C-alpha atoms as a PDB file:
ATOM      1  CA  MET A   1      20.574 -11.551  -1.884  1.00  0.00           C
ATOM      2  CA  ILE A   2      18.257 -10.235   0.808  1.00  0.00           C
ATOM      3  CA  ASN A   3      19.467  -6.932   2.224  1.00  0.00           C
ATOM      4  CA  SER A   4      20.321  -7.565   5.892  1.00  0.00           C
ATOM      5  CA  LEU A   5      19.263  -4.021   6.770  1.00  0.00           C
ATOM      6  CA  ALA A   6      15.687  -4.927   5.932  1.00  0.00           C
ATOM      7  CA  LYS A   7      15.577  -7.581   8.719  1.00  0.00           C
ATOM      8  CA  LEU A   8      13.029  -9.753   6.997  1.00  0.00           C
ATOM      9  CA  SER A   9      11.613 -13.042   8.218  1.00  0.00           C
ATOM     10  CA  ASN A  10      14.127 -15.888   8.128  1.00  0.00           C
ATOM     11  CA  LYS A  11      11.365 -18.009   6.594  1.00  0.00           C
ATOM     12  CA  ILE A  12      10.687 -15.570   3.767  1.00  0.00           C
ATOM     13  CA  PHE A  13      10.765 -18.162   0.968  1.00  0.00           C
ATOM     14  CA  SER A  14       9.392 -20.977   3.105  1.00  0.00           C
ATOM     15  CA  ASP A  15       5.967 -22.599   3.058  1.00  0.00           C
ATOM     16  CA  GLU A  16       5.958 -21.960   6.817  1.00  0.00           C
ATOM     17  CA  LEU A  17       5.789 -18.182   6.350  1.00  0.00           C
ATOM     18  CA  GLU A  18       2.963 -16.708   8.411  1.00  0.00           C
ATOM     19  CA  GLN A  19      -0.098 -15.425   6.527  1.00  0.00           C
ATOM     20  CA  GLU A  20      -2.208 -12.529   7.762  1.00  0.00           C
ATOM     21  CA  SER A  21      -4.277  -9.740   6.237  1.00  0.00           C
ATOM     22  CA  THR A  22      -3.134  -6.142   6.351  1.00  0.00           C
ATOM     23  CA  ARG A  23      -6.547  -5.161   7.727  1.00  0.00           C
ATOM     24  CA  GLN A  24      -5.751  -7.257  10.810  1.00  0.00           C
ATOM     25  CA  GLY A  25      -2.462  -5.413  11.227  1.00  0.00           C
ATOM     26  CA  TYR A  26      -4.362  -2.141  11.014  1.00  0.00           C
ATOM     27  CA  GLY A  27      -6.785  -3.253  13.734  1.00  0.00           C
ATOM     28  CA  GLU A  28      -3.941  -4.226  16.050  1.00  0.00           C
ATOM     29  CA  GLY A  29      -2.069  -1.004  15.340  1.00  0.00           C
ATOM     30  CA  LEU A  30      -5.214   1.001  16.009  1.00  0.00           C
ATOM     31  CA  VAL A  31      -5.443  -0.374  19.541  1.00  0.00           C
ATOM     32  CA  ILE A  32      -1.803   0.533  20.200  1.00  0.00           C
ATOM     33  CA  ALA A  33      -2.349   4.026  18.770  1.00  0.00           C
ATOM     34  CA  GLY A  34      -5.376   4.408  21.043  1.00  0.00           C
ATOM     35  CA  GLN A  35      -3.356   3.367  24.064  1.00  0.00           C
ATOM     36  CA  LYS A  36      -0.650   5.894  23.218  1.00  0.00           C
ATOM     37  CA  ASP A  37      -3.002   8.835  22.661  1.00  0.00           C
ATOM     38  CA  ASP A  38      -6.550   9.227  23.961  1.00  0.00           C
ATOM     39  CA  ARG A  39      -7.315  11.662  21.138  1.00  0.00           C
ATOM     40  CA  VAL A  40      -7.498   8.721  18.718  1.00  0.00           C
ATOM     41  CA  VAL A  41     -11.097   7.952  17.754  1.00  0.00           C
ATOM     42  CA  VAL A  42     -12.648   5.689  15.130  1.00  0.00           C
ATOM     43  CA  VAL A  43     -15.635   6.273  12.864  1.00  0.00           C
ATOM     44  CA  CYS A  44     -16.878   3.320  10.818  1.00  0.00           C
ATOM     45  CA  ALA A  45     -19.406   2.918   8.009  1.00  0.00           C
ATOM     46  CA  ASP A  46     -21.143  -0.301   9.120  1.00  0.00           C
ATOM     47  CA  LEU A  47     -18.052  -2.433   8.448  1.00  0.00           C
ATOM     48  CA  THR A  48     -16.628  -2.667  11.951  1.00  0.00           C
ATOM     49  CA  GLU A  49     -15.860  -6.376  11.767  1.00  0.00           C
ATOM     50  CA  SER A  50     -14.640  -6.421   8.164  1.00  0.00           C
ATOM     51  CA  THR A  51     -12.232  -3.510   8.564  1.00  0.00           C
ATOM     52  CA  ARG A  52     -11.027  -4.915  11.930  1.00  0.00           C
ATOM     53  CA  SER A  53     -11.937  -1.629  13.575  1.00  0.00           C
ATOM     54  CA  ILE A  54     -13.790  -3.911  15.984  1.00  0.00           C
ATOM     55  CA  LEU A  55     -10.550  -4.399  17.917  1.00  0.00           C
ATOM     56  CA  PHE A  56     -10.573  -0.685  18.785  1.00  0.00           C
ATOM     57  CA  LYS A  57     -14.316  -0.709  19.532  1.00  0.00           C
ATOM     58  CA  GLU A  58     -13.894  -3.520  22.038  1.00  0.00           C
ATOM     59  CA  LYS A  59     -11.010  -1.756  23.770  1.00  0.00           C
ATOM     60  CA  PHE A  60     -12.309   1.827  23.645  1.00  0.00           C
ATOM     61  CA  PRO A  61     -16.110   1.768  23.135  1.00  0.00           C
ATOM     62  CA  ASP A  62     -16.456   5.405  24.238  1.00  0.00           C
ATOM     63  CA  ARG A  63     -14.160   6.509  21.408  1.00  0.00           C
ATOM     64  CA  PHE A  64     -15.909   4.555  18.667  1.00  0.00           C
ATOM     65  CA  ILE A  65     -18.710   5.883  16.429  1.00  0.00           C
ATOM     66  CA  GLU A  66     -20.809   3.640  14.192  1.00  0.00           C
ATOM     67  CA  ALA A  67     -22.157   5.880  11.417  1.00  0.00           C
ATOM     68  CA  GLY A  68     -23.978   3.247   9.380  1.00  0.00           C
ATOM     69  CA  VAL A  69     -23.782   2.967   5.602  1.00  0.00           C
ATOM     70  CA  ALA A  70     -22.837   6.618   5.122  1.00  0.00           C
ATOM     71  CA  GLU A  71     -19.371   7.074   3.658  1.00  0.00           C
ATOM     72  CA  GLN A  72     -19.804  10.771   2.920  1.00  0.00           C
ATOM     73  CA  LEU A  73     -20.867  11.259   6.527  1.00  0.00           C
ATOM     74  CA  ILE A  74     -17.810   9.557   8.029  1.00  0.00           C
ATOM     75  CA  ALA A  75     -15.538  11.917   6.085  1.00  0.00           C
ATOM     76  CA  THR A  76     -17.318  15.031   7.323  1.00  0.00           C
ATOM     77  CA  VAL A  77     -17.676  13.717  10.882  1.00  0.00           C
ATOM     78  CA  GLY A  78     -13.974  12.885  10.812  1.00  0.00           C
ATOM     79  CA  SER A  79     -13.182  16.410   9.667  1.00  0.00           C
ATOM     80  CA  GLY A  80     -15.251  17.891  12.481  1.00  0.00           C
ATOM     81  CA  LEU A  81     -13.573  15.701  15.086  1.00  0.00           C
ATOM     82  CA  ALA A  82     -10.143  16.648  13.760  1.00  0.00           C
ATOM     83  CA  ASN A  83     -11.048  20.323  13.975  1.00  0.00           C
ATOM     84  CA  TYR A  84     -11.604  19.766  17.687  1.00  0.00           C
ATOM     85  CA  SER A  85      -8.179  18.192  18.261  1.00  0.00           C
ATOM     86  CA  LYS A  86      -9.170  14.535  17.844  1.00  0.00           C
ATOM     87  CA  ILE A  87      -7.242  12.074  15.658  1.00  0.00           C
ATOM     88  CA  PRO A  88      -9.983  10.276  13.739  1.00  0.00           C
ATOM     89  CA  PHE A  89      -9.622   7.103  11.691  1.00  0.00           C
ATOM     90  CA  VAL A  90     -12.566   6.741   9.306  1.00  0.00           C
ATOM     91  CA  ALA A  91     -12.965   3.230   7.941  1.00  0.00           C
ATOM     92  CA  SER A  92     -14.832   1.577   5.086  1.00  0.00           C
ATOM     93  CA  TYR A  93     -14.112  -0.402   1.934  1.00  0.00           C
ATOM     94  CA  ALA A  94     -11.859   1.457  -0.487  1.00  0.00           C
ATOM     95  CA  ALA A  95     -14.555   1.174  -3.179  1.00  0.00           C
ATOM     96  CA  PHE A  96     -16.714   3.454  -1.021  1.00  0.00           C
ATOM     97  CA  SER A  97     -14.099   5.506   0.800  1.00  0.00           C
ATOM     98  CA  PRO A  98     -12.518   7.193  -1.137  1.00  0.00           C
ATOM     99  CA  GLY A  99     -14.628   5.774  -3.981  1.00  0.00           C
ATOM    100  CA  ARG A 100     -17.914   7.358  -2.905  1.00  0.00           C
ATOM    101  CA  ASN A 101     -16.829  10.238  -0.680  1.00  0.00           C
ATOM    102  CA  TRP A 102     -13.878  11.731  -2.551  1.00  0.00           C
ATOM    103  CA  GLU A 103     -15.431  15.203  -2.723  1.00  0.00           C
ATOM    104  CA  GLN A 104     -15.954  15.281   1.052  1.00  0.00           C
ATOM    105  CA  ILE A 105     -12.372  14.114   1.594  1.00  0.00           C
ATOM    106  CA  ARG A 106     -11.134  16.802  -0.770  1.00  0.00           C
ATOM    107  CA  THR A 107     -13.153  19.688   0.628  1.00  0.00           C
ATOM    108  CA  THR A 108     -13.591  19.014   4.335  1.00  0.00           C
ATOM    109  CA  ILE A 109     -10.346  17.168   5.069  1.00  0.00           C
ATOM    110  CA  CYS A 110      -7.607  18.127   2.596  1.00  0.00           C
ATOM    111  CA  LEU A 111      -8.616  21.730   1.968  1.00  0.00           C
ATOM    112  CA  ASN A 112      -8.759  22.298   5.732  1.00  0.00           C
ATOM    113  CA  ASN A 113      -5.570  20.242   6.185  1.00  0.00           C
ATOM    114  CA  VAL A 114      -6.892  18.342   9.211  1.00  0.00           C
ATOM    115  CA  PRO A 115      -5.381  15.016  10.366  1.00  0.00           C
ATOM    116  CA  VAL A 116      -8.128  12.589   9.398  1.00  0.00           C
ATOM    117  CA  LYS A 117      -6.936   9.063   8.557  1.00  0.00           C
ATOM    118  CA  ILE A 118      -8.918   7.455   5.738  1.00  0.00           C
ATOM    119  CA  VAL A 119      -8.837   3.662   5.916  1.00  0.00           C
ATOM    120  CA  GLY A 120      -9.582   1.946   2.590  1.00  0.00           C
ATOM    121  CA  ALA A 121     -10.034  -1.767   3.248  1.00  0.00           C
ATOM    122  CA  HIS A 122     -10.639  -4.603   0.769  1.00  0.00           C
ATOM    123  CA  ALA A 123      -8.653  -2.834  -1.954  1.00  0.00           C
ATOM    124  CA  GLY A 124      -7.262  -4.436  -5.088  1.00  0.00           C
ATOM    125  CA  ILE A 125      -8.337  -7.293  -7.299  1.00  0.00           C
ATOM    126  CA  SER A 126      -7.599  -9.910  -4.630  1.00  0.00           C
ATOM    127  CA  VAL A 127     -10.916  -9.086  -2.945  1.00  0.00           C
ATOM    128  CA  GLY A 128     -11.880 -11.965  -5.244  1.00  0.00           C
ATOM    129  CA  PRO A 129     -15.531 -13.132  -5.295  1.00  0.00           C
ATOM    130  CA  ASP A 130     -16.887  -9.657  -4.468  1.00  0.00           C
ATOM    131  CA  GLY A 131     -16.216  -8.722  -8.088  1.00  0.00           C
ATOM    132  CA  ALA A 132     -15.572  -5.535 -10.027  1.00  0.00           C
ATOM    133  CA  THR A 133     -17.817  -3.251  -7.958  1.00  0.00           C
ATOM    134  CA  HIS A 134     -15.763  -3.907  -4.827  1.00  0.00           C
ATOM    135  CA  GLN A 135     -12.311  -4.407  -6.371  1.00  0.00           C
ATOM    136  CA  MET A 136     -11.039  -0.868  -5.960  1.00  0.00           C
ATOM    137  CA  LEU A 137      -8.199  -0.323  -8.433  1.00  0.00           C
ATOM    138  CA  GLU A 138      -8.165   3.467  -8.653  1.00  0.00           C
ATOM    139  CA  ASP A 139      -7.838   4.628  -5.037  1.00  0.00           C
ATOM    140  CA  ILE A 140      -4.093   5.356  -4.998  1.00  0.00           C
ATOM    141  CA  ALA A 141      -4.559   7.662  -7.982  1.00  0.00           C
ATOM    142  CA  LEU A 142      -7.548   9.379  -6.365  1.00  0.00           C
ATOM    143  CA  MET A 143      -5.762  10.010  -3.113  1.00  0.00           C
ATOM    144  CA  ARG A 144      -2.264  10.936  -4.195  1.00  0.00           C
ATOM    145  CA  VAL A 145      -3.554  13.762  -6.396  1.00  0.00           C
ATOM    146  CA  LEU A 146      -5.045  15.532  -3.360  1.00  0.00           C
ATOM    147  CA  PRO A 147      -2.964  18.337  -1.819  1.00  0.00           C
ATOM    148  CA  ASN A 148      -1.794  17.630   1.766  1.00  0.00           C
ATOM    149  CA  MET A 149      -2.643  13.904   1.544  1.00  0.00           C
ATOM    150  CA  VAL A 150      -0.203  11.181   2.646  1.00  0.00           C
ATOM    151  CA  VAL A 151      -0.682   7.790   0.929  1.00  0.00           C
ATOM    152  CA  VAL A 152       0.601   4.546   2.443  1.00  0.00           C
ATOM    153  CA  VAL A 153       0.267   0.994   1.064  1.00  0.00           C
ATOM    154  CA  PRO A 154       1.736  -1.472   3.604  1.00  0.00           C
ATOM    155  CA  CYS A 155       3.281  -4.693   2.312  1.00  0.00           C
ATOM    156  CA  ASP A 156       2.047  -6.993   5.083  1.00  0.00           C
ATOM    157  CA  ALA A 157       0.190  -7.118   8.404  1.00  0.00           C
ATOM    158  CA  GLN A 158       3.270  -6.232  10.432  1.00  0.00           C
ATOM    159  CA  GLU A 159       3.929  -3.133   8.348  1.00  0.00           C
ATOM    160  CA  ALA A 160       0.235  -2.184   8.428  1.00  0.00           C
ATOM    161  CA  LYS A 161       0.396  -2.174  12.224  1.00  0.00           C
ATOM    162  CA  LYS A 162       3.472   0.074  12.200  1.00  0.00           C
ATOM    163  CA  ALA A 163       1.944   2.354   9.572  1.00  0.00           C
ATOM    164  CA  THR A 164      -1.265   2.792  11.572  1.00  0.00           C
ATOM    165  CA  ILE A 165       0.674   3.791  14.680  1.00  0.00           C
ATOM    166  CA  ALA A 166       2.834   6.197  12.652  1.00  0.00           C
ATOM    167  CA  LEU A 167      -0.131   7.785  10.863  1.00  0.00           C
ATOM    168  CA  ALA A 168      -1.808   8.485  14.193  1.00  0.00           C
ATOM    169  CA  GLN A 169       1.171  10.674  15.025  1.00  0.00           C
ATOM    170  CA  ASN A 170       1.927  12.419  11.714  1.00  0.00           C
ATOM    171  CA  GLY A 171      -0.562  15.295  12.053  1.00  0.00           C
ATOM    172  CA  LYS A 172      -1.655  15.142   8.380  1.00  0.00           C
ATOM    173  CA  PRO A 173      -4.546  13.939   6.226  1.00  0.00           C
ATOM    174  CA  SER A 174      -3.598  10.371   5.385  1.00  0.00           C
ATOM    175  CA  TYR A 175      -4.796   7.334   3.468  1.00  0.00           C
ATOM    176  CA  ILE A 176      -3.906   3.727   4.255  1.00  0.00           C
ATOM    177  CA  ARG A 177      -4.779   0.998   1.747  1.00  0.00           C
ATOM    178  CA  LEU A 178      -5.610  -2.450   3.130  1.00  0.00           C
ATOM    179  CA  THR A 179      -6.373  -5.916   1.750  1.00  0.00           C
ATOM    180  CA  ARG A 180      -8.946  -8.501   2.773  1.00  0.00           C
ATOM    181  CA  GLU A 181      -7.049 -11.707   2.006  1.00  0.00           C
ATOM    182  CA  LYS A 182      -4.292 -13.119   4.153  1.00  0.00           C
ATOM    183  CA  THR A 183      -0.892 -12.522   2.559  1.00  0.00           C
ATOM    184  CA  PRO A 184       2.691 -13.460   3.506  1.00  0.00           C
ATOM    185  CA  VAL A 185       4.086 -11.635   6.542  1.00  0.00           C
ATOM    186  CA  MET A 186       7.596 -11.019   5.276  1.00  0.00           C
ATOM    187  CA  THR A 187       8.659  -8.317   7.752  1.00  0.00           C
ATOM    188  CA  THR A 188       9.325  -8.533  11.490  1.00  0.00           C
ATOM    189  CA  ASP A 189       9.135  -6.291  14.548  1.00  0.00           C
ATOM    190  CA  ASP A 190      12.680  -5.164  13.739  1.00  0.00           C
ATOM    191  CA  THR A 191      12.117  -4.284  10.083  1.00  0.00           C
ATOM    192  CA  PRO A 192      12.502  -0.501   9.739  1.00  0.00           C
ATOM    193  CA  PHE A 193       9.433   1.555   8.890  1.00  0.00           C
ATOM    194  CA  GLU A 194       9.138   5.289   8.466  1.00  0.00           C
ATOM    195  CA  ILE A 195       6.537   7.179   6.487  1.00  0.00           C
ATOM    196  CA  GLY A 196       8.143   8.515   3.324  1.00  0.00           C
ATOM    197  CA  LYS A 197      11.202   6.238   3.533  1.00  0.00           C
ATOM    198  CA  ALA A 198      11.452   3.396   1.035  1.00  0.00           C
ATOM    199  CA  ILE A 199      13.695   0.460   1.915  1.00  0.00           C
ATOM    200  CA  VAL A 200      15.728  -1.993  -0.127  1.00  0.00           C
ATOM    201  CA  PHE A 201      14.540  -5.559   0.534  1.00  0.00           C
ATOM    202  CA  TRP A 202      16.838  -7.247  -1.986  1.00  0.00           C
ATOM    203  CA  GLU A 203      20.015  -6.268  -3.781  1.00  0.00           C
ATOM    204  CA  SER A 204      22.124  -8.509  -6.032  1.00  0.00           C
ATOM    205  CA  LYS A 205      25.858  -7.976  -6.497  1.00  0.00           C
ATOM    206  CA  ASN A 206      25.521  -6.671 -10.056  1.00  0.00           C
ATOM    207  CA  PRO A 207      21.946  -5.437 -10.415  1.00  0.00           C
ATOM    208  CA  GLU A 208      20.576  -4.796 -13.900  1.00  0.00           C
ATOM    209  CA  VAL A 209      17.073  -3.655 -12.936  1.00  0.00           C
ATOM    210  CA  THR A 210      15.266  -1.955 -10.065  1.00  0.00           C
ATOM    211  CA  ILE A 211      11.912  -3.468  -9.080  1.00  0.00           C
ATOM    212  CA  ILE A 212       9.771  -1.051  -7.076  1.00  0.00           C
ATOM    213  CA  ALA A 213       6.684  -2.522  -5.438  1.00  0.00           C
ATOM    214  CA  CYS A 214       4.042  -1.677  -2.871  1.00  0.00           C
ATOM    215  CA  GLY A 215       1.491  -3.716  -0.969  1.00  0.00           C
ATOM    216  CA  SER A 216       1.332  -7.493  -0.837  1.00  0.00           C
ATOM    217  CA  LEU A 217       2.702  -7.845  -4.389  1.00  0.00           C
ATOM    218  CA  LEU A 218       6.083  -6.984  -2.917  1.00  0.00           C
ATOM    219  CA  TYR A 219       6.301 -10.669  -2.043  1.00  0.00           C
ATOM    220  CA  GLU A 220       5.811 -11.625  -5.698  1.00  0.00           C
ATOM    221  CA  ALA A 221       8.608  -9.164  -6.537  1.00  0.00           C
ATOM    222  CA  LEU A 222      10.940 -10.921  -4.083  1.00  0.00           C
ATOM    223  CA  ILE A 223      10.127 -14.319  -5.580  1.00  0.00           C
ATOM    224  CA  ALA A 224      10.827 -12.856  -9.019  1.00  0.00           C
ATOM    225  CA  ALA A 225      14.159 -11.445  -7.811  1.00  0.00           C
ATOM    226  CA  LYS A 226      15.185 -14.845  -6.483  1.00  0.00           C
ATOM    227  CA  ASP A 227      14.274 -16.525  -9.787  1.00  0.00           C
ATOM    228  CA  LEU A 228      16.088 -13.852 -11.768  1.00  0.00           C
ATOM    229  CA  ASP A 229      19.210 -14.327  -9.661  1.00  0.00           C
ATOM    230  CA  LYS A 230      19.212 -18.034 -10.489  1.00  0.00           C
ATOM    231  CA  ASN A 231      19.251 -17.062 -14.152  1.00  0.00           C
ATOM    232  CA  GLY A 232      22.084 -14.579 -13.822  1.00  0.00           C
ATOM    233  CA  ILE A 233      19.968 -11.403 -13.771  1.00  0.00           C
ATOM    234  CA  GLY A 234      20.674  -9.240 -10.745  1.00  0.00           C
ATOM    235  CA  SER A 235      18.100  -6.859  -9.315  1.00  0.00           C
ATOM    236  CA  ILE A 236      17.250  -4.398  -6.579  1.00  0.00           C
ATOM    237  CA  VAL A 237      13.830  -4.735  -4.936  1.00  0.00           C
ATOM    238  CA  ILE A 238      12.454  -1.704  -3.114  1.00  0.00           C
ATOM    239  CA  ASN A 239       9.531  -1.667  -0.709  1.00  0.00           C
ATOM    240  CA  ASN A 240       7.926   1.642  -1.645  1.00  0.00           C
ATOM    241  CA  HIS A 241       5.188   1.595   1.001  1.00  0.00           C
ATOM    242  CA  THR A 242       4.690   5.368   0.891  1.00  0.00           C
ATOM    243  CA  ILE A 243       3.373   6.538  -2.465  1.00  0.00           C
ATOM    244  CA  LYS A 244       3.161  10.129  -1.243  1.00  0.00           C
ATOM    245  CA  PRO A 245       5.504  11.616  -0.220  1.00  0.00           C
ATOM    246  CA  LEU A 246       7.750   9.639  -2.546  1.00  0.00           C
ATOM    247  CA  ASP A 247      11.244   8.754  -1.339  1.00  0.00           C
ATOM    248  CA  ARG A 248      12.988  10.371  -4.274  1.00  0.00           C
ATOM    249  CA  SER A 249      16.538   9.921  -3.031  1.00  0.00           C
ATOM    250  CA  ALA A 250      16.162   6.159  -2.487  1.00  0.00           C
ATOM    251  CA  ILE A 251      14.576   5.682  -5.896  1.00  0.00           C
ATOM    252  CA  LEU A 252      17.143   7.804  -7.683  1.00  0.00           C
ATOM    253  CA  SER A 253      20.036   6.029  -5.946  1.00  0.00           C
ATOM    254  CA  ALA A 254      18.783   2.608  -7.037  1.00  0.00           C
ATOM    255  CA  VAL A 255      17.915   3.645 -10.573  1.00  0.00           C
ATOM    256  CA  LYS A 256      21.351   5.125 -11.165  1.00  0.00           C
ATOM    257  CA  LYS A 257      22.784   1.670 -10.445  1.00  0.00           C
ATOM    258  CA  THR A 258      20.519  -0.153 -12.906  1.00  0.00           C
ATOM    259  CA  ASN A 259      19.135   2.319 -15.482  1.00  0.00           C
ATOM    260  CA  ALA A 260      15.932   0.282 -15.775  1.00  0.00           C
ATOM    261  CA  ILE A 261      12.780  -0.007 -13.656  1.00  0.00           C
ATOM    262  CA  VAL A 262       9.786  -2.303 -13.201  1.00  0.00           C
ATOM    263  CA  THR A 263       6.954  -1.068 -10.957  1.00  0.00           C
ATOM    264  CA  VAL A 264       4.584  -3.542  -9.312  1.00  0.00           C
ATOM    265  CA  GLU A 265       1.186  -2.730  -7.804  1.00  0.00           C
ATOM    266  CA  GLU A 266      -2.306  -4.206  -7.403  1.00  0.00           C
ATOM    267  CA  HIS A 267      -3.839  -1.108  -8.946  1.00  0.00           C
ATOM    268  CA  GLN A 268      -4.397   0.505 -12.315  1.00  0.00           C
ATOM    269  CA  ILE A 269      -1.013   1.268 -13.863  1.00  0.00           C
ATOM    270  CA  SER A 270      -2.330   4.782 -14.576  1.00  0.00           C
ATOM    271  CA  GLY A 271      -1.988   7.168 -11.677  1.00  0.00           C
ATOM    272  CA  GLY A 272      -0.709   4.779  -9.026  1.00  0.00           C
ATOM    273  CA  LEU A 273       2.785   3.793  -7.926  1.00  0.00           C
ATOM    274  CA  GLY A 274       3.978   3.449 -11.524  1.00  0.00           C
ATOM    275  CA  GLY A 275       2.579   6.845 -12.382  1.00  0.00           C
ATOM    276  CA  ALA A 276       4.277   8.490  -9.409  1.00  0.00           C
ATOM    277  CA  ILE A 277       7.646   6.879 -10.227  1.00  0.00           C
ATOM    278  CA  SER A 278       7.517   7.701 -13.929  1.00  0.00           C
ATOM    279  CA  GLU A 279       6.501  11.321 -13.280  1.00  0.00           C
ATOM    280  CA  PHE A 280       9.480  11.780 -10.993  1.00  0.00           C
ATOM    281  CA  LEU A 281      11.983  10.070 -13.289  1.00  0.00           C
ATOM    282  CA  ALA A 282      10.738  11.859 -16.400  1.00  0.00           C
ATOM    283  CA  GLN A 283      11.911  15.107 -14.808  1.00  0.00           C
ATOM    284  CA  ASN A 284      15.060  13.839 -13.131  1.00  0.00           C
ATOM    285  CA  TYR A 285      16.499  10.672 -14.673  1.00  0.00           C
ATOM    286  CA  PRO A 286      14.556   9.145 -17.592  1.00  0.00           C
ATOM    287  CA  VAL A 287      15.106   5.400 -18.009  1.00  0.00           C
ATOM    288  CA  PRO A 288      13.156   2.508 -19.587  1.00  0.00           C
ATOM    289  CA  ILE A 289      10.262   1.438 -17.369  1.00  0.00           C
ATOM    290  CA  GLU A 290       7.725  -1.402 -17.406  1.00  0.00           C
ATOM    291  CA  PHE A 291       4.515  -1.492 -15.386  1.00  0.00           C
ATOM    292  CA  VAL A 292       3.061  -4.571 -13.673  1.00  0.00           C
ATOM    293  CA  GLY A 293      -0.502  -3.924 -12.548  1.00  0.00           C
ATOM    294  CA  VAL A 294      -3.998  -3.672 -14.006  1.00  0.00           C
ATOM    295  CA  HIS A 295      -4.004  -2.337 -17.561  1.00  0.00           C
ATOM    296  CA  ASP A 296      -7.105  -0.154 -18.032  1.00  0.00           C
ATOM    297  CA  SER A 297      -9.557  -2.838 -16.971  1.00  0.00           C
ATOM    298  CA  PHE A 298     -12.099  -3.605 -14.285  1.00  0.00           C
ATOM    299  CA  GLY A 299     -11.797  -6.809 -12.302  1.00  0.00           C
ATOM    300  CA  GLU A 300     -14.217  -9.720 -12.049  1.00  0.00           C
ATOM    301  CA  SER A 301     -15.352 -12.335  -9.553  1.00  0.00           C
ATOM    302  CA  GLY A 302     -12.941 -15.165  -8.916  1.00  0.00           C
ATOM    303  CA  VAL A 303     -10.402 -16.776  -6.621  1.00  0.00           C
ATOM    304  CA  PRO A 304      -7.815 -14.126  -5.628  1.00  0.00           C
ATOM    305  CA  GLY A 305      -4.772 -16.103  -6.802  1.00  0.00           C
ATOM    306  CA  GLU A 306      -6.377 -16.906 -10.146  1.00  0.00           C
ATOM    307  CA  LEU A 307      -7.290 -13.253 -10.666  1.00  0.00           C
ATOM    308  CA  LEU A 308      -3.710 -12.169 -10.021  1.00  0.00           C
ATOM    309  CA  GLU A 309      -2.620 -14.684 -12.660  1.00  0.00           C
ATOM    310  CA  LYS A 310      -5.230 -13.595 -15.180  1.00  0.00           C
ATOM    311  CA  TYR A 311      -4.379  -9.921 -14.812  1.00  0.00           C
ATOM    312  CA  GLY A 312      -0.630 -10.524 -14.976  1.00  0.00           C
ATOM    313  CA  MET A 313       0.557  -9.705 -11.466  1.00  0.00           C
ATOM    314  CA  LYS A 314       2.398 -12.874 -10.414  1.00  0.00           C
ATOM    315  CA  SER A 315       6.152 -13.372 -10.068  1.00  0.00           C
ATOM    316  CA  ARG A 316       6.540 -14.770 -13.583  1.00  0.00           C
ATOM    317  CA  ASP A 317       4.863 -11.639 -14.975  1.00  0.00           C
ATOM    318  CA  ILE A 318       7.395  -9.544 -13.088  1.00  0.00           C
ATOM    319  CA  VAL A 319      10.215 -11.687 -14.497  1.00  0.00           C
ATOM    320  CA  ASN A 320       8.883 -11.153 -18.021  1.00  0.00           C
ATOM    321  CA  ALA A 321       8.619  -7.398 -17.417  1.00  0.00           C
ATOM    322  CA  VAL A 322      12.238  -7.379 -16.209  1.00  0.00           C
ATOM    323  CA  LYS A 323      13.396  -9.137 -19.374  1.00  0.00           C
ATOM    324  CA  ARG A 324      11.500  -6.640 -21.533  1.00  0.00           C
ATOM    325  CA  VAL A 325      12.914  -3.596 -19.788  1.00  0.00           C
ATOM    326  CA  ILE A 326      16.481  -4.922 -19.902  1.00  0.00           C
ATOM    327  CA  GLU A 327      16.087  -5.581 -23.618  1.00  0.00           C
ATOM    328  CA  ARG A 328      14.901  -2.000 -24.111  1.00  0.00           C
ATOM    329  CA  LYS A 329      17.780  -0.679 -22.009  1.00  0.00           C
ATOM    330  CA  ASN A 330      20.321  -2.516 -24.142  1.00  0.00           C
ATOM    331  CA  ILE A 331      18.995  -1.323 -27.516  1.00  0.00           C
END
């Protein structure tokens, strides 16, 4: 059953569920953050419309900088602004930031521990027709390895808006991962959100497996949980929107109930959410684990939904992973 504490949409499994991109939620949150604090500024790498930074530009043109196609520049400009007490959001496609400017992020932002917010839009395989060059599948791994960096992957547009507002206030180098395609808006204004705090979105009476997901694939995890329940397999589904810092207590509490885990992410299974979870559990509470994500492969051009099917990231793939991990647990 859905956990009432999560306060999800009452249409969560309905065809009427609203669809919106997380990049739109970011744009809306950016305007609110700018209204709350005039130190918030935005630097963009010639993708003002695509990243939805345009909403901030229209509201606060004097606090917006268009840097052109120069991802390394936006990182260093952001660092300079942060050193002079500004709160800069630097925006591009994730394939280019952090994909192209990782060294500048490492040296000028993280080493100096200044509160620049790196916005990686159009991440994941669901970018679709743009193909492998633009389907960034390694960014979570790149960013979570950096000292001082906070990494957030919102599950929907509503959560992306809340995350943007929260990141503007956290005083730390931070990365937010956004999608291009519209995805189900499963949360509401009342759904809790706090950086570093995972939340249970589903918990059956007698759970046998914990499903930990981030980003828009959380919705596929909820569909899988519903299907599993119909077949007598109980589960816990956790929205793990913050990859770093990891909510260790929430994860450990759930895993001790089930002794089996499936992680779900639109990212390489190496180094991302699954990597973070398995590293933590290997030291604290080793259990069987299965990984749903991209398995050491680049993407390709195609329709987003078809690509998710081809690369094994739909609800039925999660169900199959659950069955495998339960079988391993019971050996």
